[in-house]
Amino acid sequence: MGSLHDEMRIFAGNSNPPLARDICHGLEIPMGEALVETFSDGEIRVEIKENVRGCDVFVIQSTCAPGNDNLMELLIMLDAFRRASAKRVTAVIPYYGYARQDRKVAPRVPISAKLVADLITTAGASRMLTMDLHSGQIQGFFNIPVDNLYASPVLLQYLEGRFAGERSVVVSPDAGGAQRARAFATKLNVAMAVIDKRRADANVVEEMNIIGEVEGKSAILIDDMVDTAGTIAMAAEALIRAGANKVIGCCTHAIFSGKALDRINDSPMEEMVVTDTIPVDDKMARCEKIKPLSVAPLIGEAIHRTHLERSISSLF
């Protein structure tokens, strides 16, 4: 695919350079040269170091922590490519931040997911490519095409080998993730269960009730993201109390803020399977329970198909 470099360029911000490098390596094209740094007062400075006039440009940048800095980096890079006369600029955002505020759940609150969508479009993105959006309706917040990829092929390949020959059950830690859990259970040809959780406040769970049969089975807890890990740790404890033989956690976006890693280590989960949409830092790498999987081949194939105007839905 070396000839792709004549028409396509891939650039990356500072949020997830290992993933961007893996994507470029898989596509056999060099990473685009761009200077992304800060002035002494903290303002972000971007300079594109090569000609991109008439090129199909892909900017890889997860808006993970520090979310505001990474989001501003992305917006300024998009603006730079638009002004450099790139033919098309695709924002490749493996983890789309601010996605949890996607509707008004109380008076006088923002819909931040819509605001960020407007910012990305205004900055110059021609289309967006992301992975496992927190809610599907966010695609409708954009006035440009949005391709929402799924990490399920990568996760399922690992889980099929990990639980071969065992009596298993896929468990959603909340009712909102039931559709995702059902899809995994169908692909794995196993039963499904849902945990009904009652929240006292944001990131604080009061009680959990299990809907479904988990006794004597290996439980696979599936979620799109894990932030403080309070919910998934409590869910693992509830499953063990309900008679599950063992519990494995599984998510696409490993946010892991606050005491998340401590909660995972102290929980009865044998393993926490994650992807690299958010970079695996040193603390995560030192945690023996964390099993990282790469989505670089999947995103790379989606970028390749986008460039060639081929179907992406057939990947799933």
C-alpha atoms as a PDB file:
ATOM      1  CA  MET A   1       0.000   0.000   0.000  1.00  0.00           C
ATOM      2  CA  GLY A   2       3.018   2.316  -0.200  1.00  0.00           C
ATOM      3  CA  SER A   3       1.457   4.159  -3.156  1.00  0.00           C
ATOM      4  CA  LEU A   4      -1.332   5.369  -0.861  1.00  0.00           C
ATOM      5  CA  HIS A   5       1.074   7.981   0.458  1.00  0.00           C
ATOM      6  CA  ASP A   6       0.762   9.884  -2.815  1.00  0.00           C
ATOM      7  CA  GLU A   7      -2.851  10.823  -2.047  1.00  0.00           C
ATOM      8  CA  MET A   8      -3.449  10.013   1.619  1.00  0.00           C
ATOM      9  CA  ARG A   9      -1.801  11.446   4.722  1.00  0.00           C
ATOM     10  CA  ILE A  10      -2.209  10.350   8.341  1.00  0.00           C
ATOM     11  CA  PHE A  11      -1.358  12.776  11.139  1.00  0.00           C
ATOM     12  CA  ALA A  12      -1.681  12.432  14.906  1.00  0.00           C
ATOM     13  CA  GLY A  13      -1.974  14.703  17.902  1.00  0.00           C
ATOM     14  CA  ASN A  14      -0.439  13.971  21.282  1.00  0.00           C
ATOM     15  CA  SER A  15      -3.275  11.925  22.794  1.00  0.00           C
ATOM     16  CA  ASN A  16      -2.474   8.453  21.447  1.00  0.00           C
ATOM     17  CA  PRO A  17       0.722   8.302  19.344  1.00  0.00           C
ATOM     18  CA  PRO A  18       1.280   4.513  19.819  1.00  0.00           C
ATOM     19  CA  LEU A  19      -2.093   3.728  18.196  1.00  0.00           C
ATOM     20  CA  ALA A  20      -1.401   6.165  15.350  1.00  0.00           C
ATOM     21  CA  ARG A  21       2.021   4.596  14.722  1.00  0.00           C
ATOM     22  CA  ASP A  22       0.503   1.106  14.666  1.00  0.00           C
ATOM     23  CA  ILE A  23      -2.142   2.247  12.171  1.00  0.00           C
ATOM     24  CA  CYS A  24       0.488   3.761   9.869  1.00  0.00           C
ATOM     25  CA  HIS A  25       2.655   0.645  10.175  1.00  0.00           C
ATOM     26  CA  GLY A  26      -0.284  -1.557   9.179  1.00  0.00           C
ATOM     27  CA  LEU A  27      -1.067   0.630   6.166  1.00  0.00           C
ATOM     28  CA  GLU A  28       2.639   0.788   5.251  1.00  0.00           C
ATOM     29  CA  ILE A  29       2.681   4.563   5.012  1.00  0.00           C
ATOM     30  CA  PRO A  30       4.776   7.042   7.042  1.00  0.00           C
ATOM     31  CA  MET A  31       3.269   9.242   9.701  1.00  0.00           C
ATOM     32  CA  GLY A  32       2.687  12.789   8.505  1.00  0.00           C
ATOM     33  CA  GLU A  33       4.983  15.456   9.901  1.00  0.00           C
ATOM     34  CA  ALA A  34       3.285  18.018  12.103  1.00  0.00           C
ATOM     35  CA  LEU A  35       4.473  20.148  14.982  1.00  0.00           C
ATOM     36  CA  VAL A  36       2.023  20.078  17.883  1.00  0.00           C
ATOM     37  CA  GLU A  37       3.283  21.816  21.004  1.00  0.00           C
ATOM     38  CA  THR A  38       2.387  24.599  23.428  1.00  0.00           C
ATOM     39  CA  PHE A  39       3.548  28.167  23.816  1.00  0.00           C
ATOM     40  CA  SER A  40       4.922  29.188  27.204  1.00  0.00           C
ATOM     41  CA  ASP A  41       1.492  30.432  28.283  1.00  0.00           C
ATOM     42  CA  GLY A  42      -0.129  27.073  27.490  1.00  0.00           C
ATOM     43  CA  GLU A  43      -1.704  27.956  24.138  1.00  0.00           C
ATOM     44  CA  ILE A  44      -1.488  25.186  21.543  1.00  0.00           C
ATOM     45  CA  ARG A  45       0.737  25.688  18.512  1.00  0.00           C
ATOM     46  CA  VAL A  46       0.304  23.596  15.358  1.00  0.00           C
ATOM     47  CA  GLU A  47       2.367  23.673  12.168  1.00  0.00           C
ATOM     48  CA  ILE A  48       1.999  21.184   9.301  1.00  0.00           C
ATOM     49  CA  LYS A  49       5.481  20.335   8.042  1.00  0.00           C
ATOM     50  CA  GLU A  50       4.574  18.962   4.592  1.00  0.00           C
ATOM     51  CA  ASN A  51       2.389  19.832   1.627  1.00  0.00           C
ATOM     52  CA  VAL A  52      -1.172  18.463   1.939  1.00  0.00           C
ATOM     53  CA  ARG A  53      -2.836  20.434  -0.863  1.00  0.00           C
ATOM     54  CA  GLY A  54      -5.416  18.176  -2.533  1.00  0.00           C
ATOM     55  CA  CYS A  55      -4.700  15.258  -0.171  1.00  0.00           C
ATOM     56  CA  ASP A  56      -7.077  12.995   1.752  1.00  0.00           C
ATOM     57  CA  VAL A  57      -6.030  13.772   5.337  1.00  0.00           C
ATOM     58  CA  PHE A  58      -6.824  11.693   8.434  1.00  0.00           C
ATOM     59  CA  VAL A  59      -6.194  13.216  11.876  1.00  0.00           C
ATOM     60  CA  ILE A  60      -5.990  10.659  14.694  1.00  0.00           C
ATOM     61  CA  GLN A  61      -6.762  12.092  18.122  1.00  0.00           C
ATOM     62  CA  SER A  62      -8.660  10.610  21.058  1.00  0.00           C
ATOM     63  CA  THR A  63     -10.207  13.269  23.283  1.00  0.00           C
ATOM     64  CA  CYS A  64      -9.210  11.418  26.457  1.00  0.00           C
ATOM     65  CA  ALA A  65      -7.575  12.993  29.514  1.00  0.00           C
ATOM     66  CA  PRO A  66      -6.526  15.755  29.496  1.00  0.00           C
ATOM     67  CA  GLY A  67      -9.732  16.031  27.494  1.00  0.00           C
ATOM     68  CA  ASN A  68      -9.843  19.793  27.019  1.00  0.00           C
ATOM     69  CA  ASP A  69      -6.237  19.986  25.791  1.00  0.00           C
ATOM     70  CA  ASN A  70      -6.668  17.061  23.396  1.00  0.00           C
ATOM     71  CA  LEU A  71      -9.931  18.468  22.057  1.00  0.00           C
ATOM     72  CA  MET A  72      -8.332  21.872  21.388  1.00  0.00           C
ATOM     73  CA  GLU A  73      -5.371  20.157  19.693  1.00  0.00           C
ATOM     74  CA  LEU A  74      -7.780  18.325  17.407  1.00  0.00           C
ATOM     75  CA  LEU A  75      -9.757  21.467  16.548  1.00  0.00           C
ATOM     76  CA  ILE A  76      -6.640  23.504  15.765  1.00  0.00           C
ATOM     77  CA  MET A  77      -5.187  20.690  13.627  1.00  0.00           C
ATOM     78  CA  LEU A  78      -8.434  20.411  11.663  1.00  0.00           C
ATOM     79  CA  ASP A  79      -8.387  24.149  11.048  1.00  0.00           C
ATOM     80  CA  ALA A  80      -4.754  23.996   9.908  1.00  0.00           C
ATOM     81  CA  PHE A  81      -5.470  21.275   7.346  1.00  0.00           C
ATOM     82  CA  ARG A  82      -8.562  23.060   6.048  1.00  0.00           C
ATOM     83  CA  ARG A  83      -6.543  26.233   5.516  1.00  0.00           C
ATOM     84  CA  ALA A  84      -3.752  24.187   3.886  1.00  0.00           C
ATOM     85  CA  SER A  85      -6.238  23.210   1.125  1.00  0.00           C
ATOM     86  CA  ALA A  86      -6.530  19.512   1.952  1.00  0.00           C
ATOM     87  CA  LYS A  87      -9.135  17.899  -0.329  1.00  0.00           C
ATOM     88  CA  ARG A  88     -10.850  16.146   2.598  1.00  0.00           C
ATOM     89  CA  VAL A  89     -10.130  16.062   6.332  1.00  0.00           C
ATOM     90  CA  THR A  90     -11.386  13.116   8.389  1.00  0.00           C
ATOM     91  CA  ALA A  91     -11.296  13.373  12.183  1.00  0.00           C
ATOM     92  CA  VAL A  92     -10.399   9.904  13.478  1.00  0.00           C
ATOM     93  CA  ILE A  93     -11.456   9.987  17.130  1.00  0.00           C
ATOM     94  CA  PRO A  94     -11.099   6.476  18.642  1.00  0.00           C
ATOM     95  CA  TYR A  95     -12.508   7.778  21.947  1.00  0.00           C
ATOM     96  CA  TYR A  96     -15.072  10.581  21.634  1.00  0.00           C
ATOM     97  CA  GLY A  97     -15.049  12.580  24.877  1.00  0.00           C
ATOM     98  CA  TYR A  98     -18.002  14.495  26.322  1.00  0.00           C
ATOM     99  CA  ALA A  99     -20.264  11.751  24.958  1.00  0.00           C
ATOM    100  CA  ARG A 100     -22.002  11.059  28.269  1.00  0.00           C
ATOM    101  CA  GLN A 101     -23.862  14.379  28.218  1.00  0.00           C
ATOM    102  CA  ASP A 102     -25.943  13.542  25.152  1.00  0.00           C
ATOM    103  CA  ARG A 103     -29.367  14.736  26.328  1.00  0.00           C
ATOM    104  CA  LYS A 104     -31.011  16.900  28.980  1.00  0.00           C
ATOM    105  CA  VAL A 105     -31.474  14.736  32.067  1.00  0.00           C
ATOM    106  CA  ALA A 106     -32.134  17.697  34.377  1.00  0.00           C
ATOM    107  CA  PRO A 107     -33.069  21.371  34.034  1.00  0.00           C
ATOM    108  CA  ARG A 108     -30.318  23.802  33.032  1.00  0.00           C
ATOM    109  CA  VAL A 109     -27.725  21.274  31.885  1.00  0.00           C
ATOM    110  CA  PRO A 110     -25.817  21.319  28.584  1.00  0.00           C
ATOM    111  CA  ILE A 111     -25.787  18.775  25.775  1.00  0.00           C
ATOM    112  CA  SER A 112     -22.006  18.706  25.529  1.00  0.00           C
ATOM    113  CA  ALA A 113     -21.876  15.934  22.927  1.00  0.00           C
ATOM    114  CA  LYS A 114     -23.752  18.186  20.489  1.00  0.00           C
ATOM    115  CA  LEU A 115     -21.540  21.182  21.292  1.00  0.00           C
ATOM    116  CA  VAL A 116     -18.373  19.169  20.586  1.00  0.00           C
ATOM    117  CA  ALA A 117     -19.908  17.875  17.336  1.00  0.00           C
ATOM    118  CA  ASP A 118     -20.521  21.469  16.212  1.00  0.00           C
ATOM    119  CA  LEU A 119     -16.956  22.451  17.124  1.00  0.00           C
ATOM    120  CA  ILE A 120     -15.441  19.569  15.133  1.00  0.00           C
ATOM    121  CA  THR A 121     -17.561  20.389  12.092  1.00  0.00           C
ATOM    122  CA  THR A 122     -16.850  24.127  12.271  1.00  0.00           C
ATOM    123  CA  ALA A 123     -13.103  23.502  12.659  1.00  0.00           C
ATOM    124  CA  GLY A 124     -13.029  21.843   9.245  1.00  0.00           C
ATOM    125  CA  ALA A 125     -13.747  18.117   9.491  1.00  0.00           C
ATOM    126  CA  SER A 126     -15.319  16.693   6.333  1.00  0.00           C
ATOM    127  CA  ARG A 127     -16.292  13.464   8.103  1.00  0.00           C
ATOM    128  CA  MET A 128     -15.644  11.655  11.379  1.00  0.00           C
ATOM    129  CA  LEU A 129     -14.559   8.131  12.174  1.00  0.00           C
ATOM    130  CA  THR A 130     -14.925   6.966  15.769  1.00  0.00           C
ATOM    131  CA  MET A 131     -15.346   3.795  17.815  1.00  0.00           C
ATOM    132  CA  ASP A 132     -18.119   2.597  20.148  1.00  0.00           C
ATOM    133  CA  LEU A 133     -19.926   5.884  20.739  1.00  0.00           C
ATOM    134  CA  HIS A 134     -21.513   6.009  24.172  1.00  0.00           C
ATOM    135  CA  SER A 135     -24.884   6.408  22.480  1.00  0.00           C
ATOM    136  CA  GLY A 136     -25.762   5.972  18.821  1.00  0.00           C
ATOM    137  CA  GLN A 137     -27.798   9.169  18.544  1.00  0.00           C
ATOM    138  CA  ILE A 138     -24.595  11.236  18.744  1.00  0.00           C
ATOM    139  CA  GLN A 139     -24.095  10.445  15.052  1.00  0.00           C
ATOM    140  CA  GLY A 140     -27.164  12.598  14.417  1.00  0.00           C
ATOM    141  CA  PHE A 141     -25.529  15.580  16.136  1.00  0.00           C
ATOM    142  CA  PHE A 142     -23.194  15.958  13.148  1.00  0.00           C
ATOM    143  CA  ASN A 143     -24.014  17.508   9.787  1.00  0.00           C
ATOM    144  CA  ILE A 144     -21.163  15.516   8.229  1.00  0.00           C
ATOM    145  CA  PRO A 145     -20.897  11.722   7.668  1.00  0.00           C
ATOM    146  CA  VAL A 146     -20.001   9.748  10.800  1.00  0.00           C
ATOM    147  CA  ASP A 147     -18.712   6.163  10.792  1.00  0.00           C
ATOM    148  CA  ASN A 148     -19.109   4.515  14.194  1.00  0.00           C
ATOM    149  CA  LEU A 149     -16.833   1.474  14.342  1.00  0.00           C
ATOM    150  CA  TYR A 150     -17.263  -1.357  16.830  1.00  0.00           C
ATOM    151  CA  ALA A 151     -14.485  -2.998  18.823  1.00  0.00           C
ATOM    152  CA  SER A 152     -16.552  -6.195  19.047  1.00  0.00           C
ATOM    153  CA  PRO A 153     -14.575  -8.168  16.398  1.00  0.00           C
ATOM    154  CA  VAL A 154     -11.352  -7.618  18.390  1.00  0.00           C
ATOM    155  CA  LEU A 155     -12.959  -8.368  21.758  1.00  0.00           C
ATOM    156  CA  LEU A 156     -14.941 -11.364  20.507  1.00  0.00           C
ATOM    157  CA  GLN A 157     -11.882 -13.016  19.001  1.00  0.00           C
ATOM    158  CA  TYR A 158     -10.174 -12.885  22.406  1.00  0.00           C
ATOM    159  CA  LEU A 159     -13.253 -13.942  24.394  1.00  0.00           C
ATOM    160  CA  GLU A 160     -13.989 -16.929  22.134  1.00  0.00           C
ATOM    161  CA  GLY A 161     -10.558 -18.331  22.901  1.00  0.00           C
ATOM    162  CA  ARG A 162     -10.637 -17.350  26.575  1.00  0.00           C
ATOM    163  CA  PHE A 163     -13.969 -19.072  27.321  1.00  0.00           C
ATOM    164  CA  ALA A 164     -13.887 -21.994  24.889  1.00  0.00           C
ATOM    165  CA  GLY A 165     -15.746 -24.960  26.383  1.00  0.00           C
ATOM    166  CA  GLU A 166     -17.008 -23.091  29.459  1.00  0.00           C
ATOM    167  CA  ARG A 167     -20.579 -22.340  30.541  1.00  0.00           C
ATOM    168  CA  SER A 168     -20.637 -18.580  30.175  1.00  0.00           C
ATOM    169  CA  VAL A 169     -22.994 -15.650  30.492  1.00  0.00           C
ATOM    170  CA  VAL A 170     -22.598 -12.122  29.116  1.00  0.00           C
ATOM    171  CA  VAL A 171     -23.641  -9.517  31.675  1.00  0.00           C
ATOM    172  CA  SER A 172     -24.482  -5.847  31.134  1.00  0.00           C
ATOM    173  CA  PRO A 173     -23.647  -3.734  34.234  1.00  0.00           C
ATOM    174  CA  ASP A 174     -26.704  -1.549  33.558  1.00  0.00           C
ATOM    175  CA  ALA A 175     -29.936  -1.583  31.572  1.00  0.00           C
ATOM    176  CA  GLY A 176     -28.557   0.927  29.061  1.00  0.00           C
ATOM    177  CA  GLY A 177     -25.955  -1.586  27.861  1.00  0.00           C
ATOM    178  CA  ALA A 178     -28.420  -4.460  27.360  1.00  0.00           C
ATOM    179  CA  GLN A 179     -28.368  -4.167  23.564  1.00  0.00           C
ATOM    180  CA  ARG A 180     -24.563  -4.351  23.516  1.00  0.00           C
ATOM    181  CA  ALA A 181     -24.568  -7.371  25.843  1.00  0.00           C
ATOM    182  CA  ARG A 182     -27.234  -9.095  23.756  1.00  0.00           C
ATOM    183  CA  ALA A 183     -25.108  -8.669  20.615  1.00  0.00           C
ATOM    184  CA  PHE A 184     -22.071 -10.209  22.346  1.00  0.00           C
ATOM    185  CA  ALA A 185     -24.151 -13.054  23.805  1.00  0.00           C
ATOM    186  CA  THR A 186     -25.579 -13.832  20.362  1.00  0.00           C
ATOM    187  CA  LYS A 187     -22.132 -13.921  18.748  1.00  0.00           C
ATOM    188  CA  LEU A 188     -20.729 -16.099  21.554  1.00  0.00           C
ATOM    189  CA  ASN A 189     -23.899 -18.243  21.612  1.00  0.00           C
ATOM    190  CA  VAL A 190     -24.274 -17.938  25.399  1.00  0.00           C
ATOM    191  CA  ALA A 191     -26.878 -16.646  27.856  1.00  0.00           C
ATOM    192  CA  MET A 192     -27.283 -13.019  28.883  1.00  0.00           C
ATOM    193  CA  ALA A 193     -27.985 -11.205  32.148  1.00  0.00           C
ATOM    194  CA  VAL A 194     -28.501  -7.566  33.151  1.00  0.00           C
ATOM    195  CA  ILE A 195     -27.682  -5.791  36.398  1.00  0.00           C
ATOM    196  CA  ASP A 196     -30.267  -3.272  37.548  1.00  0.00           C
ATOM    197  CA  LYS A 197     -28.370  -0.536  39.374  1.00  0.00           C
ATOM    198  CA  ARG A 198     -29.766   2.342  41.373  1.00  0.00           C
ATOM    199  CA  ARG A 199     -27.601   5.478  41.451  1.00  0.00           C
ATOM    200  CA  ALA A 200     -27.493   7.815  44.429  1.00  0.00           C
ATOM    201  CA  ASP A 201     -25.412  10.349  42.458  1.00  0.00           C
ATOM    202  CA  ALA A 202     -23.075  10.523  39.457  1.00  0.00           C
ATOM    203  CA  ASN A 203     -20.424   7.775  39.778  1.00  0.00           C
ATOM    204  CA  VAL A 204     -22.126   6.534  42.998  1.00  0.00           C
ATOM    205  CA  VAL A 205     -24.182   3.318  42.959  1.00  0.00           C
ATOM    206  CA  GLU A 206     -26.518   2.394  45.832  1.00  0.00           C
ATOM    207  CA  GLU A 207     -27.689  -1.154  45.019  1.00  0.00           C
ATOM    208  CA  MET A 208     -27.555  -3.818  42.329  1.00  0.00           C
ATOM    209  CA  ASN A 209     -29.995  -6.565  41.375  1.00  0.00           C
ATOM    210  CA  ILE A 210     -29.133  -9.293  38.849  1.00  0.00           C
ATOM    211  CA  ILE A 211     -31.745 -10.155  36.211  1.00  0.00           C
ATOM    212  CA  GLY A 212     -30.818 -13.528  34.736  1.00  0.00           C
ATOM    213  CA  GLU A 213     -29.106 -16.786  35.717  1.00  0.00           C
ATOM    214  CA  VAL A 214     -25.384 -16.599  36.532  1.00  0.00           C
ATOM    215  CA  GLU A 215     -24.893 -19.385  39.106  1.00  0.00           C
ATOM    216  CA  GLY A 216     -22.220 -21.876  38.106  1.00  0.00           C
ATOM    217  CA  LYS A 217     -21.198 -19.859  35.033  1.00  0.00           C
ATOM    218  CA  SER A 218     -18.258 -17.726  33.939  1.00  0.00           C
ATOM    219  CA  ALA A 219     -19.509 -14.130  33.764  1.00  0.00           C
ATOM    220  CA  ILE A 220     -18.303 -11.662  31.122  1.00  0.00           C
ATOM    221  CA  LEU A 221     -19.074  -8.075  32.158  1.00  0.00           C
ATOM    222  CA  ILE A 222     -19.388  -5.954  28.993  1.00  0.00           C
ATOM    223  CA  ASP A 223     -19.390  -2.147  28.884  1.00  0.00           C
ATOM    224  CA  ASP A 224     -18.404   0.520  26.364  1.00  0.00           C
ATOM    225  CA  MET A 225     -16.326   2.507  28.865  1.00  0.00           C
ATOM    226  CA  VAL A 226     -15.015   2.187  32.401  1.00  0.00           C
ATOM    227  CA  ASP A 227     -14.312   5.451  34.227  1.00  0.00           C
ATOM    228  CA  THR A 228     -13.916   5.173  37.999  1.00  0.00           C
ATOM    229  CA  ALA A 229     -14.560   1.381  37.873  1.00  0.00           C
ATOM    230  CA  GLY A 230     -16.956   1.651  40.827  1.00  0.00           C
ATOM    231  CA  THR A 231     -19.890   0.144  38.911  1.00  0.00           C
ATOM    232  CA  ILE A 232     -17.983  -2.736  37.316  1.00  0.00           C
ATOM    233  CA  ALA A 233     -16.218  -3.619  40.596  1.00  0.00           C
ATOM    234  CA  MET A 234     -19.534  -3.717  42.468  1.00  0.00           C
ATOM    235  CA  ALA A 235     -21.084  -5.720  39.630  1.00  0.00           C
ATOM    236  CA  ALA A 236     -18.273  -8.289  39.861  1.00  0.00           C
ATOM    237  CA  GLU A 237     -18.853  -8.660  43.608  1.00  0.00           C
ATOM    238  CA  ALA A 238     -22.605  -9.064  43.052  1.00  0.00           C
ATOM    239  CA  LEU A 239     -22.007 -11.775  40.432  1.00  0.00           C
ATOM    240  CA  ILE A 240     -19.695 -13.731  42.726  1.00  0.00           C
ATOM    241  CA  ARG A 241     -22.270 -13.499  45.524  1.00  0.00           C
ATOM    242  CA  ALA A 242     -24.879 -14.787  43.063  1.00  0.00           C
ATOM    243  CA  GLY A 243     -22.781 -17.896  42.404  1.00  0.00           C
ATOM    244  CA  ALA A 244     -20.728 -17.055  39.294  1.00  0.00           C
ATOM    245  CA  ASN A 245     -17.596 -19.197  39.008  1.00  0.00           C
ATOM    246  CA  LYS A 246     -15.450 -16.294  37.834  1.00  0.00           C
ATOM    247  CA  VAL A 247     -15.818 -12.800  36.409  1.00  0.00           C
ATOM    248  CA  ILE A 248     -13.991 -11.147  33.519  1.00  0.00           C
ATOM    249  CA  GLY A 249     -14.437  -7.429  32.792  1.00  0.00           C
ATOM    250  CA  CYS A 250     -14.412  -6.144  29.220  1.00  0.00           C
ATOM    251  CA  CYS A 251     -14.645  -2.616  27.787  1.00  0.00           C
ATOM    252  CA  THR A 252     -13.612  -0.587  24.747  1.00  0.00           C
ATOM    253  CA  HIS A 253     -12.581   2.674  26.409  1.00  0.00           C
ATOM    254  CA  ALA A 254     -10.375   2.347  29.510  1.00  0.00           C
ATOM    255  CA  ILE A 255     -10.729   5.823  31.018  1.00  0.00           C
ATOM    256  CA  PHE A 256      -9.647   4.610  34.480  1.00  0.00           C
ATOM    257  CA  SER A 257      -9.783   7.876  36.417  1.00  0.00           C
ATOM    258  CA  GLY A 258      -9.302   8.328  40.148  1.00  0.00           C
ATOM    259  CA  LYS A 259      -8.959   5.046  42.047  1.00  0.00           C
ATOM    260  CA  ALA A 260     -10.133   2.899  39.136  1.00  0.00           C
ATOM    261  CA  LEU A 261      -7.053   0.658  38.991  1.00  0.00           C
ATOM    262  CA  ASP A 262      -7.145   0.093  42.768  1.00  0.00           C
ATOM    263  CA  ARG A 263     -10.805  -0.915  42.535  1.00  0.00           C
ATOM    264  CA  ILE A 264     -10.049  -3.323  39.694  1.00  0.00           C
ATOM    265  CA  ASN A 265      -7.159  -4.859  41.633  1.00  0.00           C
ATOM    266  CA  ASP A 266      -9.292  -5.231  44.774  1.00  0.00           C
ATOM    267  CA  SER A 267     -12.296  -6.646  42.886  1.00  0.00           C
ATOM    268  CA  PRO A 268     -12.952 -10.366  42.314  1.00  0.00           C
ATOM    269  CA  MET A 269     -12.468  -9.895  38.557  1.00  0.00           C
ATOM    270  CA  GLU A 270      -9.774 -12.200  37.221  1.00  0.00           C
ATOM    271  CA  GLU A 271      -9.074  -9.962  34.247  1.00  0.00           C
ATOM    272  CA  MET A 272     -10.035  -6.621  32.729  1.00  0.00           C
ATOM    273  CA  VAL A 273      -9.910  -6.688  28.919  1.00  0.00           C
ATOM    274  CA  VAL A 274      -9.526  -3.258  27.278  1.00  0.00           C
ATOM    275  CA  THR A 275      -8.561  -1.771  23.910  1.00  0.00           C
ATOM    276  CA  ASP A 276      -6.058   0.957  23.099  1.00  0.00           C
ATOM    277  CA  THR A 277      -8.545   3.645  21.976  1.00  0.00           C
ATOM    278  CA  ILE A 278      -7.181   5.359  25.091  1.00  0.00           C
ATOM    279  CA  PRO A 279      -3.410   4.833  25.514  1.00  0.00           C
ATOM    280  CA  VAL A 280      -2.263   2.154  27.942  1.00  0.00           C
ATOM    281  CA  ASP A 281      -0.090   4.138  30.356  1.00  0.00           C
ATOM    282  CA  ASP A 282       2.565   2.849  32.757  1.00  0.00           C
ATOM    283  CA  LYS A 283       0.116   2.382  35.653  1.00  0.00           C
ATOM    284  CA  MET A 284      -2.199   0.284  33.495  1.00  0.00           C
ATOM    285  CA  ALA A 285       0.739  -1.719  32.135  1.00  0.00           C
ATOM    286  CA  ARG A 286       1.841  -2.565  35.685  1.00  0.00           C
ATOM    287  CA  CYS A 287      -1.625  -3.825  36.628  1.00  0.00           C
ATOM    288  CA  GLU A 288      -1.548  -7.606  36.147  1.00  0.00           C
ATOM    289  CA  LYS A 289      -5.318  -7.789  35.640  1.00  0.00           C
ATOM    290  CA  ILE A 290      -5.333  -5.450  32.626  1.00  0.00           C
ATOM    291  CA  LYS A 291      -5.324  -7.222  29.244  1.00  0.00           C
ATOM    292  CA  PRO A 292      -4.913  -4.646  26.422  1.00  0.00           C
ATOM    293  CA  LEU A 293      -5.964  -5.462  22.848  1.00  0.00           C
ATOM    294  CA  SER A 294      -5.120  -3.336  19.807  1.00  0.00           C
ATOM    295  CA  VAL A 295      -7.785  -1.900  17.514  1.00  0.00           C
ATOM    296  CA  ALA A 296      -5.146  -0.445  15.166  1.00  0.00           C
ATOM    297  CA  PRO A 297      -5.753  -3.047  12.394  1.00  0.00           C
ATOM    298  CA  LEU A 298      -9.505  -2.389  12.527  1.00  0.00           C
ATOM    299  CA  ILE A 299      -9.187   1.403  12.424  1.00  0.00           C
ATOM    300  CA  GLY A 300      -6.484   1.154   9.773  1.00  0.00           C
ATOM    301  CA  GLU A 301      -8.751  -0.938   7.547  1.00  0.00           C
ATOM    302  CA  ALA A 302     -11.574   1.570   8.050  1.00  0.00           C
ATOM    303  CA  ILE A 303      -9.249   4.437   7.055  1.00  0.00           C
ATOM    304  CA  HIS A 304      -8.141   2.489   3.979  1.00  0.00           C
ATOM    305  CA  ARG A 305     -11.750   1.814   2.946  1.00  0.00           C
ATOM    306  CA  THR A 306     -12.742   5.430   3.561  1.00  0.00           C
ATOM    307  CA  HIS A 307      -9.940   6.611   1.299  1.00  0.00           C
ATOM    308  CA  LEU A 308     -10.973   4.185  -1.451  1.00  0.00           C
ATOM    309  CA  GLU A 309     -14.710   4.962  -0.957  1.00  0.00           C
ATOM    310  CA  ARG A 310     -15.500   1.357  -0.024  1.00  0.00           C
ATOM    311  CA  SER A 311     -18.021  -0.052   2.448  1.00  0.00           C
ATOM    312  CA  ILE A 312     -17.125   0.052   6.149  1.00  0.00           C
ATOM    313  CA  SER A 313     -20.276  -1.646   7.448  1.00  0.00           C
ATOM    314  CA  SER A 314     -19.127  -4.928   5.867  1.00  0.00           C
ATOM    315  CA  LEU A 315     -16.353  -5.056   8.484  1.00  0.00           C
ATOM    316  CA  PHE A 316     -19.004  -5.989  11.057  1.00  0.00           C
END
